[in-house]
Amino acid sequence: SISGPGDVNEAAGTVTYTVSLSSANAAPVSVNYSTANGSAVAGSDYTAVAGNVTFAPGETSKTITVAISNDTVFEGA
């Protein structure tokens, strides 16, 4: 699962999301991720990211950080 803040303070500069496995695994687990536009748009509101996180055996949590842009436009839900 992925969790993160519902509302983001644009002045913070970044937002962090947590990727979690429902249970630990005995072998490494890799997960691909990428950002997608919603009320915020890549390029003007945040920097698009894509990649892969690998959970080592026994790990259940990793974080992904996305750079955000501070502007004067309200991106409502």
N, C-alpha and C. Protein backbone atom coordinates (compact mmCIF):
# COMPACT_ATOMS: atom_id res chain seq x y z
N SER A 1 0.84 -1.18 0.00
CA SER A 1 0.00 0.00 0.00
C SER A 1 0.88 1.24 0.00
N ILE A 2 0.31 2.35 -0.41
CA ILE A 2 1.02 3.63 -0.41
C ILE A 2 0.22 4.60 0.43
N SER A 3 0.90 5.33 1.30
CA SER A 3 0.22 6.34 2.10
C SER A 3 1.04 7.62 2.09
N GLY A 4 0.36 8.71 2.25
CA GLY A 4 1.00 10.01 2.30
C GLY A 4 0.02 11.02 2.82
N PRO A 5 0.45 12.25 2.95
CA PRO A 5 -0.44 13.28 3.47
C PRO A 5 -1.56 13.60 2.48
N GLY A 6 -2.73 13.93 2.99
CA GLY A 6 -3.83 14.33 2.13
C GLY A 6 -3.61 15.74 1.61
N ASP A 7 -3.25 16.64 2.49
CA ASP A 7 -2.96 18.01 2.11
C ASP A 7 -1.46 18.23 2.23
N VAL A 8 -0.92 19.03 1.32
CA VAL A 8 0.52 19.27 1.29
C VAL A 8 0.79 20.75 1.41
N ASN A 9 1.72 21.12 2.28
CA ASN A 9 2.19 22.49 2.38
C ASN A 9 3.24 22.70 1.31
N GLU A 10 2.91 23.45 0.27
CA GLU A 10 3.83 23.63 -0.84
C GLU A 10 5.15 24.26 -0.42
N ALA A 11 5.15 25.05 0.64
CA ALA A 11 6.38 25.69 1.09
C ALA A 11 7.36 24.67 1.68
N ALA A 12 6.90 23.46 1.96
CA ALA A 12 7.76 22.43 2.56
C ALA A 12 8.86 21.98 1.59
N GLY A 13 8.64 22.09 0.29
CA GLY A 13 9.64 21.72 -0.70
C GLY A 13 9.58 20.28 -1.16
N THR A 14 9.13 19.37 -0.29
CA THR A 14 9.00 17.96 -0.67
C THR A 14 7.80 17.36 0.05
N VAL A 15 7.34 16.25 -0.48
CA VAL A 15 6.32 15.45 0.19
C VAL A 15 6.82 14.01 0.17
N THR A 16 6.60 13.30 1.27
CA THR A 16 7.08 11.93 1.39
C THR A 16 5.91 10.96 1.47
N TYR A 17 6.01 9.91 0.68
CA TYR A 17 5.01 8.84 0.67
C TYR A 17 5.66 7.57 1.22
N THR A 18 4.89 6.77 1.92
CA THR A 18 5.38 5.51 2.46
C THR A 18 4.77 4.36 1.69
N VAL A 19 5.62 3.46 1.21
CA VAL A 19 5.19 2.25 0.53
C VAL A 19 5.37 1.11 1.52
N SER A 20 4.30 0.35 1.76
CA SER A 20 4.34 -0.70 2.77
C SER A 20 3.91 -2.05 2.21
N LEU A 21 4.58 -3.09 2.67
CA LEU A 21 4.16 -4.46 2.38
C LEU A 21 3.24 -4.90 3.51
N SER A 22 2.26 -5.72 3.20
CA SER A 22 1.34 -6.19 4.23
C SER A 22 2.01 -7.16 5.20
N SER A 23 3.08 -7.82 4.75
CA SER A 23 3.85 -8.69 5.64
C SER A 23 5.27 -8.80 5.10
N ALA A 24 6.20 -9.13 5.98
CA ALA A 24 7.59 -9.29 5.58
C ALA A 24 7.74 -10.52 4.69
N ASN A 25 8.72 -10.47 3.82
CA ASN A 25 8.98 -11.59 2.92
C ASN A 25 10.38 -12.12 3.19
N ALA A 26 10.61 -13.38 2.93
CA ALA A 26 11.93 -13.98 3.14
C ALA A 26 12.90 -13.65 2.01
N ALA A 27 12.37 -13.22 0.87
CA ALA A 27 13.18 -12.86 -0.29
C ALA A 27 12.97 -11.37 -0.59
N PRO A 28 13.91 -10.74 -1.30
CA PRO A 28 13.71 -9.35 -1.68
C PRO A 28 12.45 -9.17 -2.53
N VAL A 29 11.78 -8.02 -2.36
CA VAL A 29 10.58 -7.68 -3.14
C VAL A 29 10.81 -6.33 -3.77
N SER A 30 10.63 -6.22 -5.09
CA SER A 30 10.79 -4.96 -5.81
C SER A 30 9.44 -4.45 -6.29
N VAL A 31 9.25 -3.13 -6.19
CA VAL A 31 8.00 -2.50 -6.61
C VAL A 31 8.34 -1.28 -7.47
N ASN A 32 7.75 -1.20 -8.66
CA ASN A 32 7.89 -0.02 -9.50
C ASN A 32 6.89 1.03 -9.07
N TYR A 33 7.24 2.31 -9.21
CA TYR A 33 6.32 3.40 -8.88
C TYR A 33 6.50 4.54 -9.86
N SER A 34 5.48 5.38 -9.98
CA SER A 34 5.57 6.62 -10.75
C SER A 34 4.48 7.55 -10.28
N THR A 35 4.73 8.84 -10.41
CA THR A 35 3.72 9.84 -10.06
C THR A 35 2.72 9.97 -11.20
N ALA A 36 1.54 10.49 -10.87
CA ALA A 36 0.51 10.72 -11.88
C ALA A 36 -0.23 12.01 -11.53
N ASN A 37 -0.63 12.74 -12.52
CA ASN A 37 -1.35 13.99 -12.30
C ASN A 37 -2.73 13.73 -11.70
N GLY A 38 -3.12 14.62 -10.85
CA GLY A 38 -4.46 14.65 -10.27
C GLY A 38 -4.82 16.13 -10.19
N SER A 39 -5.06 16.61 -8.97
CA SER A 39 -5.31 18.04 -8.81
C SER A 39 -4.02 18.83 -8.98
N ALA A 40 -2.88 18.18 -8.82
CA ALA A 40 -1.57 18.79 -9.07
C ALA A 40 -1.03 18.24 -10.39
N VAL A 41 -0.24 19.07 -11.10
CA VAL A 41 0.26 18.71 -12.42
C VAL A 41 1.79 18.72 -12.41
N ALA A 42 2.37 17.64 -12.95
CA ALA A 42 3.83 17.55 -13.05
C ALA A 42 4.37 18.71 -13.87
N GLY A 43 5.49 19.24 -13.45
CA GLY A 43 6.13 20.34 -14.16
C GLY A 43 5.81 21.69 -13.56
N SER A 44 4.54 21.88 -13.16
CA SER A 44 4.19 23.16 -12.56
C SER A 44 3.95 23.06 -11.06
N ASP A 45 3.48 21.90 -10.58
CA ASP A 45 3.19 21.73 -9.16
C ASP A 45 4.17 20.78 -8.46
N TYR A 46 4.72 19.84 -9.19
CA TYR A 46 5.67 18.89 -8.62
C TYR A 46 6.57 18.36 -9.71
N THR A 47 7.67 17.74 -9.31
CA THR A 47 8.59 17.12 -10.25
C THR A 47 8.23 15.63 -10.36
N ALA A 48 7.90 15.20 -11.57
CA ALA A 48 7.53 13.80 -11.79
C ALA A 48 8.69 12.89 -11.41
N VAL A 49 8.36 11.77 -10.78
CA VAL A 49 9.37 10.77 -10.44
C VAL A 49 8.85 9.39 -10.80
N ALA A 50 9.76 8.52 -11.09
CA ALA A 50 9.46 7.11 -11.34
C ALA A 50 10.68 6.32 -10.91
N GLY A 51 10.46 5.12 -10.50
CA GLY A 51 11.61 4.31 -10.09
C GLY A 51 11.17 2.99 -9.52
N ASN A 52 12.03 2.46 -8.68
CA ASN A 52 11.83 1.14 -8.11
C ASN A 52 12.32 1.17 -6.67
N VAL A 53 11.56 0.60 -5.77
CA VAL A 53 12.03 0.39 -4.40
C VAL A 53 12.15 -1.11 -4.19
N THR A 54 13.20 -1.50 -3.50
CA THR A 54 13.42 -2.91 -3.20
C THR A 54 13.43 -3.10 -1.70
N PHE A 55 12.56 -3.97 -1.23
CA PHE A 55 12.49 -4.32 0.17
C PHE A 55 13.44 -5.49 0.41
N ALA A 56 14.36 -5.33 1.34
CA ALA A 56 15.24 -6.43 1.72
C ALA A 56 14.41 -7.46 2.51
N PRO A 57 14.88 -8.68 2.61
CA PRO A 57 14.15 -9.67 3.42
C PRO A 57 13.87 -9.11 4.82
N GLY A 58 12.61 -9.20 5.23
CA GLY A 58 12.20 -8.71 6.55
C GLY A 58 11.73 -7.27 6.57
N GLU A 59 12.05 -6.46 5.56
CA GLU A 59 11.61 -5.07 5.52
C GLU A 59 10.15 -4.97 5.10
N THR A 60 9.41 -4.02 5.64
CA THR A 60 8.02 -3.83 5.26
C THR A 60 7.69 -2.40 4.90
N SER A 61 8.66 -1.47 4.96
CA SER A 61 8.37 -0.07 4.72
C SER A 61 9.53 0.63 4.01
N LYS A 62 9.19 1.44 3.01
CA LYS A 62 10.15 2.27 2.28
C LYS A 62 9.49 3.62 2.05
N THR A 63 10.28 4.65 1.79
CA THR A 63 9.72 5.97 1.50
C THR A 63 10.14 6.44 0.11
N ILE A 64 9.27 7.27 -0.47
CA ILE A 64 9.52 7.92 -1.76
C ILE A 64 9.29 9.41 -1.53
N THR A 65 10.24 10.23 -1.97
CA THR A 65 10.13 11.68 -1.80
C THR A 65 9.92 12.35 -3.15
N VAL A 66 8.96 13.28 -3.20
CA VAL A 66 8.64 14.02 -4.41
C VAL A 66 8.85 15.50 -4.15
N ALA A 67 9.60 16.17 -5.03
CA ALA A 67 9.81 17.62 -4.91
C ALA A 67 8.55 18.34 -5.36
N ILE A 68 8.13 19.34 -4.58
CA ILE A 68 6.93 20.11 -4.92
C ILE A 68 7.30 21.57 -5.15
N SER A 69 6.48 22.25 -5.94
CA SER A 69 6.70 23.65 -6.28
C SER A 69 5.76 24.53 -5.49
N ASN A 70 6.28 25.58 -4.93
CA ASN A 70 5.47 26.53 -4.16
C ASN A 70 4.96 27.60 -5.11
N ASP A 71 3.65 27.61 -5.34
CA ASP A 71 3.05 28.63 -6.18
C ASP A 71 1.84 29.23 -5.46
N THR A 72 1.17 30.15 -6.11
CA THR A 72 0.03 30.82 -5.48
C THR A 72 -1.31 30.24 -5.91
N VAL A 73 -1.30 29.14 -6.66
CA VAL A 73 -2.52 28.53 -7.17
C VAL A 73 -2.97 27.43 -6.21
N PHE A 74 -4.25 27.46 -5.79
CA PHE A 74 -4.79 26.42 -4.93
C PHE A 74 -5.22 25.25 -5.79
N GLU A 75 -4.67 24.07 -5.49
CA GLU A 75 -5.04 22.84 -6.18
C GLU A 75 -6.03 22.10 -5.29
N GLY A 76 -7.30 22.34 -5.48
CA GLY A 76 -8.32 21.72 -4.64
C GLY A 76 -8.53 20.27 -4.97
N ALA A 77 -9.09 19.55 -4.02
CA ALA A 77 -9.32 18.11 -4.22
C ALA A 77 -10.55 17.88 -5.05
